[in-house]
Amino acid sequence: MRIIYLIDFNCPYSYIGLERIKKACDILNLDVEWEMRSFELEPQAGKRPVMSTTERYSIKYELSPEEASSKIAEIEEIALEDGLKINFKDMPLTSSKDALRLTKFAENMHPEITLRLVEEIFYSRFIKNENIADNNVLTEIAISSGLEESEAKKIIENNYYNIEIFLDKEDALSNGITSTPYFILEKNEERLIIPGVFPTEEFEIALKDFVSGDIKDKTFV
């Protein structure tokens, strides 16, 4: 079975959702081929933070600063249920483009380490609150995930895979996808689309039914 996961490194739900569906796969002992696709949520963000996550959340969702802070705290609590001690409120809001480009490179050239790289970037972003738009930070993550320093720097310091990032998002938008995460399960000619984040138990049920053939060519909501 193949699972295509559509994510952005600025999205805490992408981190939570990926961890949950991975856990469900482990519980069921499924043999899964993972494929990452990108969806850049904050294309206007730069390499250095110009506003706090709370400020951005307030503007983006038309919330008061107090409401934004409360919503962010809720997300942190949800993540904690899965053992993810994320610090979303203090996360530096910067571009995810370079991290997405690097991951697309890994997906094409080193698919066996891509999932590990994705997990390491999320950990750096949400747990350690590092600036993943910083070339040095991203290079260290790449090396720790198994990429060669020279090839990682070549991708990070140039514009390789910009087109792939653009095409991933355009393809998603053309299919009505406007947010992350999205999970697309494929087995033989069958497909199940899971939009958003569900409890691990519900992911487990959907996976079990899909593998058994009880669900096919549908959207799980």
N, C-alpha and C. Protein backbone atom coordinates (compact mmCIF):
# COMPACT_ATOMS: atom_id res chain seq x y z
N MET A 1 0.84 -1.19 0.00
CA MET A 1 0.00 0.00 0.00
C MET A 1 0.87 1.25 0.00
N ARG A 2 0.40 2.26 -0.71
CA ARG A 2 1.12 3.53 -0.74
C ARG A 2 0.28 4.59 -0.04
N ILE A 3 0.96 5.43 0.77
CA ILE A 3 0.29 6.56 1.40
C ILE A 3 0.99 7.83 0.95
N ILE A 4 0.24 8.67 0.25
CA ILE A 4 0.73 9.98 -0.17
C ILE A 4 0.31 10.97 0.90
N TYR A 5 1.26 11.69 1.45
CA TYR A 5 0.91 12.65 2.50
C TYR A 5 1.27 14.07 2.04
N LEU A 6 0.27 14.93 2.07
CA LEU A 6 0.41 16.31 1.64
C LEU A 6 0.57 17.17 2.89
N ILE A 7 1.72 17.86 3.02
CA ILE A 7 2.04 18.56 4.26
C ILE A 7 2.72 19.90 4.00
N ASP A 8 2.79 20.69 5.06
CA ASP A 8 3.64 21.87 5.09
C ASP A 8 4.29 21.93 6.46
N PHE A 9 5.53 22.40 6.51
CA PHE A 9 6.26 22.44 7.77
C PHE A 9 5.87 23.60 8.67
N ASN A 10 4.96 24.45 8.21
CA ASN A 10 4.41 25.49 9.06
C ASN A 10 3.08 25.07 9.68
N CYS A 11 2.65 23.86 9.39
CA CYS A 11 1.35 23.37 9.83
C CYS A 11 1.49 22.35 10.96
N PRO A 12 1.07 22.70 12.19
CA PRO A 12 1.19 21.73 13.29
C PRO A 12 0.31 20.51 13.07
N TYR A 13 -0.82 20.69 12.38
CA TYR A 13 -1.70 19.54 12.14
C TYR A 13 -1.05 18.55 11.17
N SER A 14 -0.18 19.03 10.29
CA SER A 14 0.56 18.11 9.41
C SER A 14 1.44 17.20 10.26
N TYR A 15 2.09 17.77 11.26
CA TYR A 15 2.96 17.01 12.16
C TYR A 15 2.13 16.00 12.95
N ILE A 16 1.03 16.49 13.55
CA ILE A 16 0.19 15.63 14.37
C ILE A 16 -0.44 14.52 13.52
N GLY A 17 -0.98 14.89 12.36
CA GLY A 17 -1.64 13.91 11.51
C GLY A 17 -0.70 12.83 11.01
N LEU A 18 0.51 13.22 10.61
CA LEU A 18 1.48 12.24 10.12
C LEU A 18 1.87 11.28 11.22
N GLU A 19 2.08 11.80 12.43
CA GLU A 19 2.44 10.93 13.55
C GLU A 19 1.32 9.94 13.85
N ARG A 20 0.08 10.40 13.77
CA ARG A 20 -1.04 9.52 14.08
C ARG A 20 -1.23 8.43 13.04
N ILE A 21 -1.15 8.78 11.76
CA ILE A 21 -1.37 7.75 10.75
C ILE A 21 -0.19 6.77 10.72
N LYS A 22 1.02 7.23 11.02
CA LYS A 22 2.17 6.32 11.14
C LYS A 22 1.96 5.35 12.30
N LYS A 23 1.44 5.87 13.42
CA LYS A 23 1.19 5.02 14.58
C LYS A 23 0.14 3.97 14.25
N ALA A 24 -0.90 4.38 13.51
CA ALA A 24 -1.94 3.44 13.13
C ALA A 24 -1.38 2.35 12.22
N CYS A 25 -0.51 2.73 11.31
CA CYS A 25 0.13 1.74 10.43
C CYS A 25 0.98 0.76 11.22
N ASP A 26 1.69 1.26 12.23
CA ASP A 26 2.52 0.40 13.08
C ASP A 26 1.66 -0.58 13.87
N ILE A 27 0.53 -0.09 14.39
CA ILE A 27 -0.37 -0.95 15.16
C ILE A 27 -0.87 -2.10 14.30
N LEU A 28 -1.17 -1.79 13.04
CA LEU A 28 -1.69 -2.80 12.11
C LEU A 28 -0.60 -3.58 11.40
N ASN A 29 0.65 -3.19 11.66
CA ASN A 29 1.80 -3.86 11.04
C ASN A 29 1.70 -3.85 9.52
N LEU A 30 1.39 -2.68 8.97
CA LEU A 30 1.22 -2.55 7.52
C LEU A 30 2.54 -2.25 6.83
N ASP A 31 2.70 -2.80 5.66
CA ASP A 31 3.85 -2.51 4.81
C ASP A 31 3.48 -1.33 3.92
N VAL A 32 4.05 -0.15 4.20
CA VAL A 32 3.63 1.08 3.54
C VAL A 32 4.78 1.73 2.78
N GLU A 33 4.46 2.14 1.56
CA GLU A 33 5.37 2.98 0.79
C GLU A 33 4.88 4.42 0.94
N TRP A 34 5.74 5.29 1.49
CA TRP A 34 5.34 6.67 1.78
C TRP A 34 5.81 7.61 0.67
N GLU A 35 4.94 8.54 0.30
CA GLU A 35 5.31 9.55 -0.68
C GLU A 35 4.89 10.93 -0.20
N MET A 36 5.85 11.86 -0.14
CA MET A 36 5.57 13.20 0.35
C MET A 36 5.22 14.14 -0.80
N ARG A 37 4.19 14.96 -0.60
CA ARG A 37 3.88 16.05 -1.52
C ARG A 37 3.74 17.33 -0.70
N SER A 38 4.13 18.43 -1.29
CA SER A 38 4.22 19.69 -0.54
C SER A 38 3.06 20.62 -0.84
N PHE A 39 2.74 21.44 0.16
CA PHE A 39 1.71 22.47 -0.01
C PHE A 39 2.14 23.66 0.85
N GLU A 40 2.82 24.61 0.24
CA GLU A 40 3.36 25.75 0.98
C GLU A 40 2.23 26.68 1.43
N LEU A 41 2.04 26.79 2.73
CA LEU A 41 0.93 27.58 3.27
C LEU A 41 1.25 29.06 3.43
N GLU A 42 2.53 29.37 3.63
CA GLU A 42 2.92 30.76 3.89
C GLU A 42 3.97 31.22 2.87
N PRO A 43 3.58 31.32 1.59
CA PRO A 43 4.56 31.67 0.56
C PRO A 43 5.15 33.07 0.73
N GLN A 44 4.47 33.93 1.49
CA GLN A 44 4.96 35.28 1.69
C GLN A 44 6.00 35.37 2.81
N ALA A 45 6.15 34.31 3.58
CA ALA A 45 7.10 34.33 4.70
C ALA A 45 8.54 34.33 4.17
N GLY A 46 9.43 35.00 4.89
CA GLY A 46 10.83 35.08 4.49
C GLY A 46 11.72 34.19 5.33
N LYS A 47 13.01 34.39 5.21
CA LYS A 47 13.96 33.58 5.94
C LYS A 47 14.11 34.00 7.41
N ARG A 48 13.64 35.20 7.71
CA ARG A 48 13.67 35.66 9.09
C ARG A 48 12.26 36.00 9.54
N PRO A 49 11.91 35.67 10.78
CA PRO A 49 10.56 35.96 11.26
C PRO A 49 10.31 37.46 11.38
N VAL A 50 9.17 37.91 10.90
CA VAL A 50 8.81 39.33 11.01
C VAL A 50 7.62 39.53 11.95
N MET A 51 6.97 38.43 12.33
CA MET A 51 5.89 38.50 13.32
C MET A 51 5.81 37.18 14.06
N SER A 52 5.17 37.20 15.21
CA SER A 52 5.03 35.98 15.99
C SER A 52 3.95 35.09 15.37
N THR A 53 3.98 33.83 15.76
CA THR A 53 2.96 32.90 15.28
C THR A 53 1.58 33.35 15.75
N THR A 54 1.50 33.88 16.95
CA THR A 54 0.22 34.37 17.48
C THR A 54 -0.31 35.52 16.64
N GLU A 55 0.57 36.45 16.27
CA GLU A 55 0.16 37.58 15.44
C GLU A 55 -0.34 37.09 14.08
N ARG A 56 0.39 36.19 13.47
CA ARG A 56 0.00 35.66 12.16
C ARG A 56 -1.33 34.91 12.25
N TYR A 57 -1.49 34.12 13.30
CA TYR A 57 -2.72 33.36 13.49
C TYR A 57 -3.91 34.31 13.66
N SER A 58 -3.68 35.38 14.39
CA SER A 58 -4.72 36.37 14.62
C SER A 58 -5.16 37.01 13.30
N ILE A 59 -4.19 37.38 12.47
CA ILE A 59 -4.49 38.02 11.18
C ILE A 59 -5.13 37.04 10.21
N LYS A 60 -4.56 35.85 10.10
CA LYS A 60 -5.00 34.87 9.12
C LYS A 60 -6.43 34.42 9.35
N TYR A 61 -6.80 34.21 10.62
CA TYR A 61 -8.12 33.68 10.94
C TYR A 61 -9.05 34.73 11.55
N GLU A 62 -8.63 36.00 11.46
CA GLU A 62 -9.44 37.13 11.94
C GLU A 62 -9.88 36.92 13.39
N LEU A 63 -8.90 36.65 14.23
CA LEU A 63 -9.13 36.44 15.65
C LEU A 63 -8.48 37.55 16.46
N SER A 64 -8.97 37.77 17.65
CA SER A 64 -8.28 38.68 18.55
C SER A 64 -7.01 38.00 19.03
N PRO A 65 -6.01 38.76 19.53
CA PRO A 65 -4.79 38.13 20.05
C PRO A 65 -5.09 37.10 21.14
N GLU A 66 -6.10 37.39 21.97
CA GLU A 66 -6.46 36.45 23.03
C GLU A 66 -7.05 35.17 22.46
N GLU A 67 -7.91 35.32 21.45
CA GLU A 67 -8.50 34.14 20.80
C GLU A 67 -7.44 33.32 20.08
N ALA A 68 -6.52 34.01 19.43
CA ALA A 68 -5.43 33.31 18.73
C ALA A 68 -4.57 32.53 19.72
N SER A 69 -4.24 33.15 20.83
CA SER A 69 -3.43 32.48 21.86
C SER A 69 -4.13 31.26 22.40
N SER A 70 -5.46 31.38 22.60
CA SER A 70 -6.24 30.26 23.11
C SER A 70 -6.27 29.11 22.12
N LYS A 71 -6.43 29.44 20.83
CA LYS A 71 -6.46 28.41 19.79
C LYS A 71 -5.11 27.71 19.69
N ILE A 72 -4.04 28.45 19.76
CA ILE A 72 -2.70 27.88 19.69
C ILE A 72 -2.46 26.95 20.89
N ALA A 73 -2.93 27.37 22.06
CA ALA A 73 -2.79 26.52 23.25
C ALA A 73 -3.56 25.21 23.08
N GLU A 74 -4.71 25.27 22.44
CA GLU A 74 -5.50 24.06 22.17
C GLU A 74 -4.73 23.10 21.27
N ILE A 75 -4.09 23.65 20.25
CA ILE A 75 -3.31 22.82 19.32
C ILE A 75 -2.15 22.15 20.06
N GLU A 76 -1.49 22.89 20.93
CA GLU A 76 -0.39 22.33 21.71
C GLU A 76 -0.88 21.19 22.60
N GLU A 77 -2.08 21.34 23.17
CA GLU A 77 -2.65 20.29 24.01
C GLU A 77 -2.99 19.05 23.19
N ILE A 78 -3.53 19.27 22.00
CA ILE A 78 -3.85 18.14 21.12
C ILE A 78 -2.58 17.36 20.77
N ALA A 79 -1.50 18.08 20.45
CA ALA A 79 -0.23 17.44 20.12
C ALA A 79 0.32 16.65 21.31
N LEU A 80 0.12 17.20 22.51
CA LEU A 80 0.64 16.56 23.71
C LEU A 80 -0.01 15.20 23.96
N GLU A 81 -1.25 15.04 23.50
CA GLU A 81 -1.95 13.76 23.62
C GLU A 81 -1.19 12.66 22.89
N ASP A 82 -0.43 13.06 21.86
CA ASP A 82 0.35 12.10 21.08
C ASP A 82 1.83 12.11 21.48
N GLY A 83 2.13 12.75 22.60
CA GLY A 83 3.51 12.79 23.08
C GLY A 83 4.38 13.81 22.37
N LEU A 84 3.76 14.71 21.61
CA LEU A 84 4.51 15.75 20.89
C LEU A 84 4.46 17.04 21.71
N LYS A 85 5.56 17.38 22.30
CA LYS A 85 5.62 18.57 23.16
C LYS A 85 5.96 19.80 22.32
N ILE A 86 5.01 20.15 21.44
CA ILE A 86 5.29 21.26 20.54
C ILE A 86 5.12 22.60 21.25
N ASN A 87 5.89 23.57 20.81
CA ASN A 87 5.81 24.93 21.32
C ASN A 87 5.43 25.81 20.13
N PHE A 88 4.16 25.76 19.77
CA PHE A 88 3.69 26.45 18.57
C PHE A 88 3.71 27.97 18.75
N LYS A 89 3.40 28.41 19.95
CA LYS A 89 3.29 29.86 20.17
C LYS A 89 4.63 30.57 19.99
N ASP A 90 5.74 29.88 20.25
CA ASP A 90 7.06 30.51 20.14
C ASP A 90 7.79 30.13 18.86
N MET A 91 7.12 29.40 17.98
CA MET A 91 7.75 28.98 16.74
C MET A 91 8.02 30.19 15.85
N PRO A 92 9.24 30.34 15.35
CA PRO A 92 9.53 31.44 14.43
C PRO A 92 8.83 31.22 13.10
N LEU A 93 7.95 32.14 12.71
CA LEU A 93 7.21 31.99 11.47
C LEU A 93 8.09 32.42 10.31
N THR A 94 8.65 31.46 9.62
CA THR A 94 9.53 31.71 8.48
C THR A 94 9.13 30.82 7.32
N SER A 95 9.77 31.00 6.19
CA SER A 95 9.45 30.24 5.00
C SER A 95 9.75 28.75 5.18
N SER A 96 8.87 27.94 4.61
CA SER A 96 9.10 26.49 4.61
C SER A 96 9.60 26.02 3.24
N LYS A 97 9.76 26.94 2.29
CA LYS A 97 10.08 26.56 0.92
C LYS A 97 11.35 25.75 0.79
N ASP A 98 12.45 26.20 1.43
CA ASP A 98 13.71 25.48 1.29
C ASP A 98 13.61 24.08 1.88
N ALA A 99 12.90 23.95 3.00
CA ALA A 99 12.72 22.63 3.62
C ALA A 99 11.89 21.73 2.73
N LEU A 100 10.88 22.30 2.09
CA LEU A 100 10.06 21.52 1.16
C LEU A 100 10.87 21.11 -0.07
N ARG A 101 11.70 22.02 -0.58
CA ARG A 101 12.54 21.71 -1.74
C ARG A 101 13.50 20.57 -1.41
N LEU A 102 14.11 20.66 -0.23
CA LEU A 102 15.04 19.62 0.20
C LEU A 102 14.34 18.27 0.31
N THR A 103 13.13 18.29 0.83
CA THR A 103 12.39 17.05 1.00
C THR A 103 11.98 16.46 -0.35
N LYS A 104 11.62 17.32 -1.29
CA LYS A 104 11.29 16.82 -2.63
C LYS A 104 12.51 16.19 -3.30
N PHE A 105 13.68 16.79 -3.07
CA PHE A 105 14.91 16.20 -3.57
C PHE A 105 15.11 14.80 -2.99
N ALA A 106 14.95 14.70 -1.67
CA ALA A 106 15.12 13.40 -1.01
C ALA A 106 14.10 12.40 -1.55
N GLU A 107 12.86 12.86 -1.74
CA GLU A 107 11.82 11.97 -2.25
C GLU A 107 12.19 11.40 -3.62
N ASN A 108 12.82 12.20 -4.44
CA ASN A 108 13.21 11.76 -5.78
C ASN A 108 14.49 10.94 -5.80
N MET A 109 15.45 11.31 -4.97
CA MET A 109 16.77 10.69 -5.04
C MET A 109 17.06 9.71 -3.89
N HIS A 110 16.45 9.92 -2.73
CA HIS A 110 16.70 9.06 -1.57
C HIS A 110 15.39 8.78 -0.83
N PRO A 111 14.43 8.14 -1.50
CA PRO A 111 13.12 7.94 -0.88
C PRO A 111 13.16 7.16 0.43
N GLU A 112 14.20 6.37 0.61
CA GLU A 112 14.28 5.55 1.82
C GLU A 112 14.50 6.37 3.09
N ILE A 113 14.97 7.62 2.95
CA ILE A 113 15.21 8.44 4.14
C ILE A 113 14.26 9.65 4.22
N THR A 114 13.36 9.76 3.25
CA THR A 114 12.52 10.96 3.18
C THR A 114 11.64 11.12 4.42
N LEU A 115 11.00 10.05 4.87
CA LEU A 115 10.12 10.15 6.03
C LEU A 115 10.90 10.57 7.27
N ARG A 116 12.11 10.05 7.41
CA ARG A 116 12.95 10.45 8.54
C ARG A 116 13.29 11.93 8.45
N LEU A 117 13.62 12.40 7.25
CA LEU A 117 13.94 13.81 7.06
C LEU A 117 12.74 14.67 7.42
N VAL A 118 11.56 14.29 6.97
CA VAL A 118 10.34 15.03 7.29
C VAL A 118 10.15 15.12 8.80
N GLU A 119 10.32 14.00 9.48
CA GLU A 119 10.15 13.97 10.93
C GLU A 119 11.17 14.86 11.63
N GLU A 120 12.40 14.86 11.14
CA GLU A 120 13.46 15.68 11.74
C GLU A 120 13.19 17.16 11.54
N ILE A 121 12.65 17.52 10.38
CA ILE A 121 12.33 18.93 10.13
C ILE A 121 11.18 19.38 11.04
N PHE A 122 10.16 18.55 11.15
CA PHE A 122 9.06 18.87 12.05
C PHE A 122 9.56 19.03 13.49
N TYR A 123 10.43 18.12 13.91
CA TYR A 123 10.96 18.18 15.28
C TYR A 123 11.73 19.47 15.50
N SER A 124 12.56 19.81 14.53
CA SER A 124 13.33 21.05 14.62
C SER A 124 12.41 22.26 14.69
N ARG A 125 11.37 22.22 13.89
CA ARG A 125 10.44 23.34 13.78
C ARG A 125 9.60 23.53 15.04
N PHE A 126 8.93 22.48 15.45
CA PHE A 126 7.92 22.62 16.49
C PHE A 126 8.39 22.28 17.91
N ILE A 127 9.40 21.44 18.02
CA ILE A 127 9.88 21.07 19.35
C ILE A 127 11.06 21.96 19.77
N LYS A 128 12.03 22.10 18.88
CA LYS A 128 13.21 22.89 19.19
C LYS A 128 13.07 24.37 18.82
N ASN A 129 12.00 24.69 18.06
CA ASN A 129 11.74 26.07 17.62
C ASN A 129 12.93 26.67 16.88
N GLU A 130 13.54 25.85 16.02
CA GLU A 130 14.64 26.35 15.20
C GLU A 130 14.08 26.97 13.91
N ASN A 131 14.87 27.82 13.31
CA ASN A 131 14.48 28.47 12.06
C ASN A 131 14.91 27.57 10.90
N ILE A 132 13.96 26.83 10.35
CA ILE A 132 14.31 25.88 9.28
C ILE A 132 14.56 26.59 7.96
N ALA A 133 14.37 27.91 7.92
CA ALA A 133 14.73 28.67 6.72
C ALA A 133 16.20 29.07 6.75
N ASP A 134 16.87 28.82 7.86
CA ASP A 134 18.30 29.10 7.99
C ASP A 134 19.07 27.97 7.31
N ASN A 135 19.95 28.31 6.39
CA ASN A 135 20.68 27.29 5.63
C ASN A 135 21.48 26.35 6.52
N ASN A 136 22.11 26.88 7.55
CA ASN A 136 22.93 26.05 8.43
C ASN A 136 22.07 25.06 9.22
N VAL A 137 20.94 25.54 9.72
CA VAL A 137 20.03 24.67 10.46
C VAL A 137 19.53 23.54 9.57
N LEU A 138 19.10 23.90 8.37
CA LEU A 138 18.55 22.90 7.46
C LEU A 138 19.62 21.91 7.00
N THR A 139 20.83 22.39 6.82
CA THR A 139 21.93 21.48 6.43
C THR A 139 22.20 20.47 7.53
N GLU A 140 22.20 20.92 8.79
CA GLU A 140 22.44 20.00 9.91
C GLU A 140 21.33 18.95 10.00
N ILE A 141 20.11 19.36 9.76
CA ILE A 141 18.99 18.41 9.76
C ILE A 141 19.19 17.38 8.65
N ALA A 142 19.58 17.85 7.48
CA ALA A 142 19.80 16.96 6.33
C ALA A 142 20.86 15.92 6.64
N ILE A 143 21.96 16.37 7.21
CA ILE A 143 23.06 15.46 7.53
C ILE A 143 22.63 14.42 8.57
N SER A 144 21.92 14.88 9.60
CA SER A 144 21.47 13.96 10.65
C SER A 144 20.45 12.95 10.13
N SER A 145 19.81 13.28 9.01
CA SER A 145 18.82 12.38 8.43
C SER A 145 19.41 11.42 7.42
N GLY A 146 20.68 11.60 7.09
CA GLY A 146 21.35 10.66 6.19
C GLY A 146 21.76 11.21 4.85
N LEU A 147 21.53 12.49 4.59
CA LEU A 147 21.97 13.08 3.32
C LEU A 147 23.42 13.53 3.42
N GLU A 148 24.10 13.52 2.31
CA GLU A 148 25.46 14.02 2.27
C GLU A 148 25.44 15.55 2.36
N GLU A 149 26.40 16.11 3.09
CA GLU A 149 26.44 17.55 3.29
C GLU A 149 26.52 18.30 1.96
N SER A 150 27.35 17.80 1.04
CA SER A 150 27.54 18.50 -0.24
C SER A 150 26.26 18.54 -1.06
N GLU A 151 25.52 17.43 -1.13
CA GLU A 151 24.31 17.42 -1.93
C GLU A 151 23.21 18.23 -1.26
N ALA A 152 23.16 18.21 0.07
CA ALA A 152 22.16 19.00 0.78
C ALA A 152 22.38 20.48 0.54
N LYS A 153 23.63 20.93 0.65
CA LYS A 153 23.95 22.34 0.44
C LYS A 153 23.65 22.76 -1.00
N LYS A 154 23.90 21.88 -1.94
CA LYS A 154 23.64 22.19 -3.35
C LYS A 154 22.16 22.50 -3.56
N ILE A 155 21.30 21.71 -2.93
CA ILE A 155 19.86 21.93 -3.07
C ILE A 155 19.42 23.17 -2.31
N ILE A 156 19.87 23.29 -1.07
CA ILE A 156 19.42 24.38 -0.20
C ILE A 156 19.86 25.74 -0.73
N GLU A 157 21.09 25.82 -1.22
CA GLU A 157 21.64 27.12 -1.60
C GLU A 157 21.29 27.54 -3.02
N ASN A 158 20.58 26.70 -3.75
CA ASN A 158 20.16 27.05 -5.11
C ASN A 158 18.64 26.95 -5.22
N ASN A 159 18.14 27.00 -6.42
CA ASN A 159 16.69 27.00 -6.60
C ASN A 159 16.15 25.68 -7.14
N TYR A 160 16.89 24.61 -6.92
CA TYR A 160 16.42 23.31 -7.37
C TYR A 160 15.11 22.94 -6.69
N TYR A 161 14.23 22.29 -7.46
CA TYR A 161 12.95 21.76 -6.99
C TYR A 161 11.92 22.84 -6.69
N ASN A 162 12.17 24.06 -7.11
CA ASN A 162 11.13 25.10 -6.99
C ASN A 162 9.91 24.74 -7.83
N ILE A 163 10.16 24.24 -9.03
CA ILE A 163 9.06 23.88 -9.93
C ILE A 163 8.23 22.75 -9.33
N GLU A 164 8.90 21.77 -8.74
CA GLU A 164 8.19 20.64 -8.14
C GLU A 164 7.28 21.10 -7.00
N ILE A 165 7.77 22.06 -6.21
CA ILE A 165 6.97 22.60 -5.12
C ILE A 165 5.73 23.31 -5.68
N PHE A 166 5.95 24.08 -6.72
CA PHE A 166 4.85 24.81 -7.36
C PHE A 166 3.82 23.82 -7.94
N LEU A 167 4.29 22.79 -8.63
CA LEU A 167 3.39 21.84 -9.27
C LEU A 167 2.60 21.03 -8.24
N ASP A 168 3.23 20.68 -7.13
CA ASP A 168 2.52 19.96 -6.07
C ASP A 168 1.32 20.77 -5.60
N LYS A 169 1.54 22.05 -5.37
CA LYS A 169 0.45 22.89 -4.87
C LYS A 169 -0.61 23.11 -5.94
N GLU A 170 -0.20 23.35 -7.17
CA GLU A 170 -1.16 23.55 -8.25
C GLU A 170 -2.03 22.31 -8.45
N ASP A 171 -1.42 21.15 -8.36
CA ASP A 171 -2.17 19.91 -8.51
C ASP A 171 -3.17 19.76 -7.37
N ALA A 172 -2.75 20.11 -6.16
CA ALA A 172 -3.65 20.03 -5.01
C ALA A 172 -4.82 20.98 -5.17
N LEU A 173 -4.53 22.22 -5.54
CA LEU A 173 -5.59 23.21 -5.70
C LEU A 173 -6.58 22.81 -6.79
N SER A 174 -6.06 22.22 -7.86
CA SER A 174 -6.94 21.80 -8.95
C SER A 174 -7.87 20.67 -8.52
N ASN A 175 -7.51 19.99 -7.44
CA ASN A 175 -8.35 18.91 -6.91
C ASN A 175 -9.14 19.36 -5.68
N GLY A 176 -9.19 20.68 -5.47
CA GLY A 176 -10.00 21.22 -4.39
C GLY A 176 -9.36 21.19 -3.03
N ILE A 177 -8.06 20.92 -2.97
CA ILE A 177 -7.36 20.87 -1.69
C ILE A 177 -6.81 22.25 -1.38
N THR A 178 -7.17 22.79 -0.22
CA THR A 178 -6.73 24.14 0.14
C THR A 178 -6.04 24.19 1.50
N SER A 179 -5.87 23.04 2.13
CA SER A 179 -5.24 23.03 3.46
C SER A 179 -4.47 21.73 3.65
N THR A 180 -3.74 21.67 4.74
CA THR A 180 -2.98 20.46 5.07
C THR A 180 -3.36 20.01 6.48
N PRO A 181 -3.18 18.70 6.75
CA PRO A 181 -2.65 17.66 5.88
C PRO A 181 -3.75 16.96 5.08
N TYR A 182 -3.32 16.23 4.07
CA TYR A 182 -4.17 15.33 3.30
C TYR A 182 -3.43 14.02 3.17
N PHE A 183 -4.17 12.93 3.29
CA PHE A 183 -3.57 11.61 3.14
C PHE A 183 -4.34 10.84 2.06
N ILE A 184 -3.61 10.30 1.10
CA ILE A 184 -4.22 9.55 0.01
C ILE A 184 -3.68 8.13 0.05
N LEU A 185 -4.57 7.18 0.32
CA LEU A 185 -4.19 5.77 0.40
C LEU A 185 -4.46 5.11 -0.94
N GLU A 186 -3.49 4.36 -1.43
CA GLU A 186 -3.64 3.67 -2.71
C GLU A 186 -3.21 2.21 -2.59
N LYS A 187 -4.04 1.33 -3.12
CA LYS A 187 -3.71 -0.10 -3.15
C LYS A 187 -4.32 -0.69 -4.41
N ASN A 188 -3.46 -1.19 -5.28
CA ASN A 188 -3.90 -1.67 -6.59
C ASN A 188 -4.61 -0.52 -7.31
N GLU A 189 -5.87 -0.68 -7.65
CA GLU A 189 -6.59 0.39 -8.35
C GLU A 189 -7.52 1.16 -7.41
N GLU A 190 -7.41 0.89 -6.13
CA GLU A 190 -8.31 1.50 -5.16
C GLU A 190 -7.63 2.71 -4.49
N ARG A 191 -8.47 3.65 -4.04
CA ARG A 191 -7.95 4.87 -3.42
C ARG A 191 -8.90 5.36 -2.34
N LEU A 192 -8.31 5.84 -1.24
CA LEU A 192 -9.08 6.45 -0.15
C LEU A 192 -8.41 7.75 0.22
N ILE A 193 -9.20 8.82 0.25
CA ILE A 193 -8.67 10.14 0.60
C ILE A 193 -9.11 10.49 2.02
N ILE A 194 -8.14 10.87 2.85
CA ILE A 194 -8.43 11.27 4.23
C ILE A 194 -7.98 12.72 4.40
N PRO A 195 -8.93 13.66 4.41
CA PRO A 195 -8.57 15.07 4.58
C PRO A 195 -8.48 15.46 6.04
N GLY A 196 -7.35 16.00 6.46
CA GLY A 196 -7.25 16.51 7.82
C GLY A 196 -6.74 15.50 8.83
N VAL A 197 -6.97 15.83 10.09
CA VAL A 197 -6.46 15.03 11.21
C VAL A 197 -7.60 14.31 11.91
N PHE A 198 -7.40 13.03 12.19
CA PHE A 198 -8.34 12.23 12.95
C PHE A 198 -7.61 11.56 14.11
N PRO A 199 -8.32 11.10 15.12
CA PRO A 199 -7.67 10.33 16.18
C PRO A 199 -7.00 9.08 15.60
N THR A 200 -5.97 8.62 16.26
CA THR A 200 -5.24 7.44 15.79
C THR A 200 -6.18 6.26 15.60
N GLU A 201 -7.15 6.10 16.51
CA GLU A 201 -8.08 4.98 16.42
C GLU A 201 -8.90 5.03 15.14
N GLU A 202 -9.29 6.25 14.72
CA GLU A 202 -10.07 6.37 13.49
C GLU A 202 -9.21 6.14 12.25
N PHE A 203 -7.97 6.60 12.29
CA PHE A 203 -7.04 6.26 11.22
C PHE A 203 -6.90 4.74 11.11
N GLU A 204 -6.79 4.09 12.26
CA GLU A 204 -6.62 2.64 12.29
C GLU A 204 -7.82 1.94 11.65
N ILE A 205 -9.03 2.39 11.98
CA ILE A 205 -10.24 1.80 11.42
C ILE A 205 -10.28 1.99 9.90
N ALA A 206 -9.97 3.21 9.46
CA ALA A 206 -9.99 3.49 8.02
C ALA A 206 -8.97 2.64 7.28
N LEU A 207 -7.77 2.53 7.85
CA LEU A 207 -6.73 1.72 7.22
C LEU A 207 -7.12 0.25 7.15
N LYS A 208 -7.66 -0.24 8.25
CA LYS A 208 -8.07 -1.65 8.30
C LYS A 208 -9.16 -1.94 7.27
N ASP A 209 -10.16 -1.06 7.20
CA ASP A 209 -11.25 -1.26 6.23
C ASP A 209 -10.74 -1.15 4.80
N PHE A 210 -9.81 -0.22 4.57
CA PHE A 210 -9.29 -0.04 3.22
C PHE A 210 -8.49 -1.25 2.78
N VAL A 211 -7.65 -1.76 3.65
CA VAL A 211 -6.83 -2.93 3.32
C VAL A 211 -7.71 -4.15 3.08
N SER A 212 -8.79 -4.26 3.85
CA SER A 212 -9.68 -5.41 3.71
C SER A 212 -10.60 -5.30 2.50
N GLY A 213 -10.68 -4.10 1.92
CA GLY A 213 -11.52 -3.88 0.75
C GLY A 213 -12.90 -3.37 1.07
N ASP A 214 -13.17 -3.04 2.35
CA ASP A 214 -14.48 -2.54 2.73
C ASP A 214 -14.68 -1.08 2.34
N ILE A 215 -13.56 -0.36 2.11
CA ILE A 215 -13.64 1.03 1.64
C ILE A 215 -12.81 1.13 0.37
N LYS A 216 -13.36 1.74 -0.65
CA LYS A 216 -12.61 1.93 -1.89
C LYS A 216 -13.11 3.17 -2.62
N ASP A 217 -12.16 3.88 -3.20
CA ASP A 217 -12.48 5.05 -4.02
C ASP A 217 -13.44 6.02 -3.33
N LYS A 218 -13.13 6.34 -2.09
CA LYS A 218 -13.99 7.23 -1.32
C LYS A 218 -13.13 8.24 -0.56
N THR A 219 -13.83 9.24 0.01
CA THR A 219 -13.18 10.19 0.90
C THR A 219 -13.65 9.89 2.32
N PHE A 220 -12.69 9.72 3.21
CA PHE A 220 -13.00 9.42 4.61
C PHE A 220 -13.18 10.73 5.35
N VAL A 221 -14.38 10.96 5.89
CA VAL A 221 -14.65 12.21 6.61
C VAL A 221 -15.32 11.91 7.94
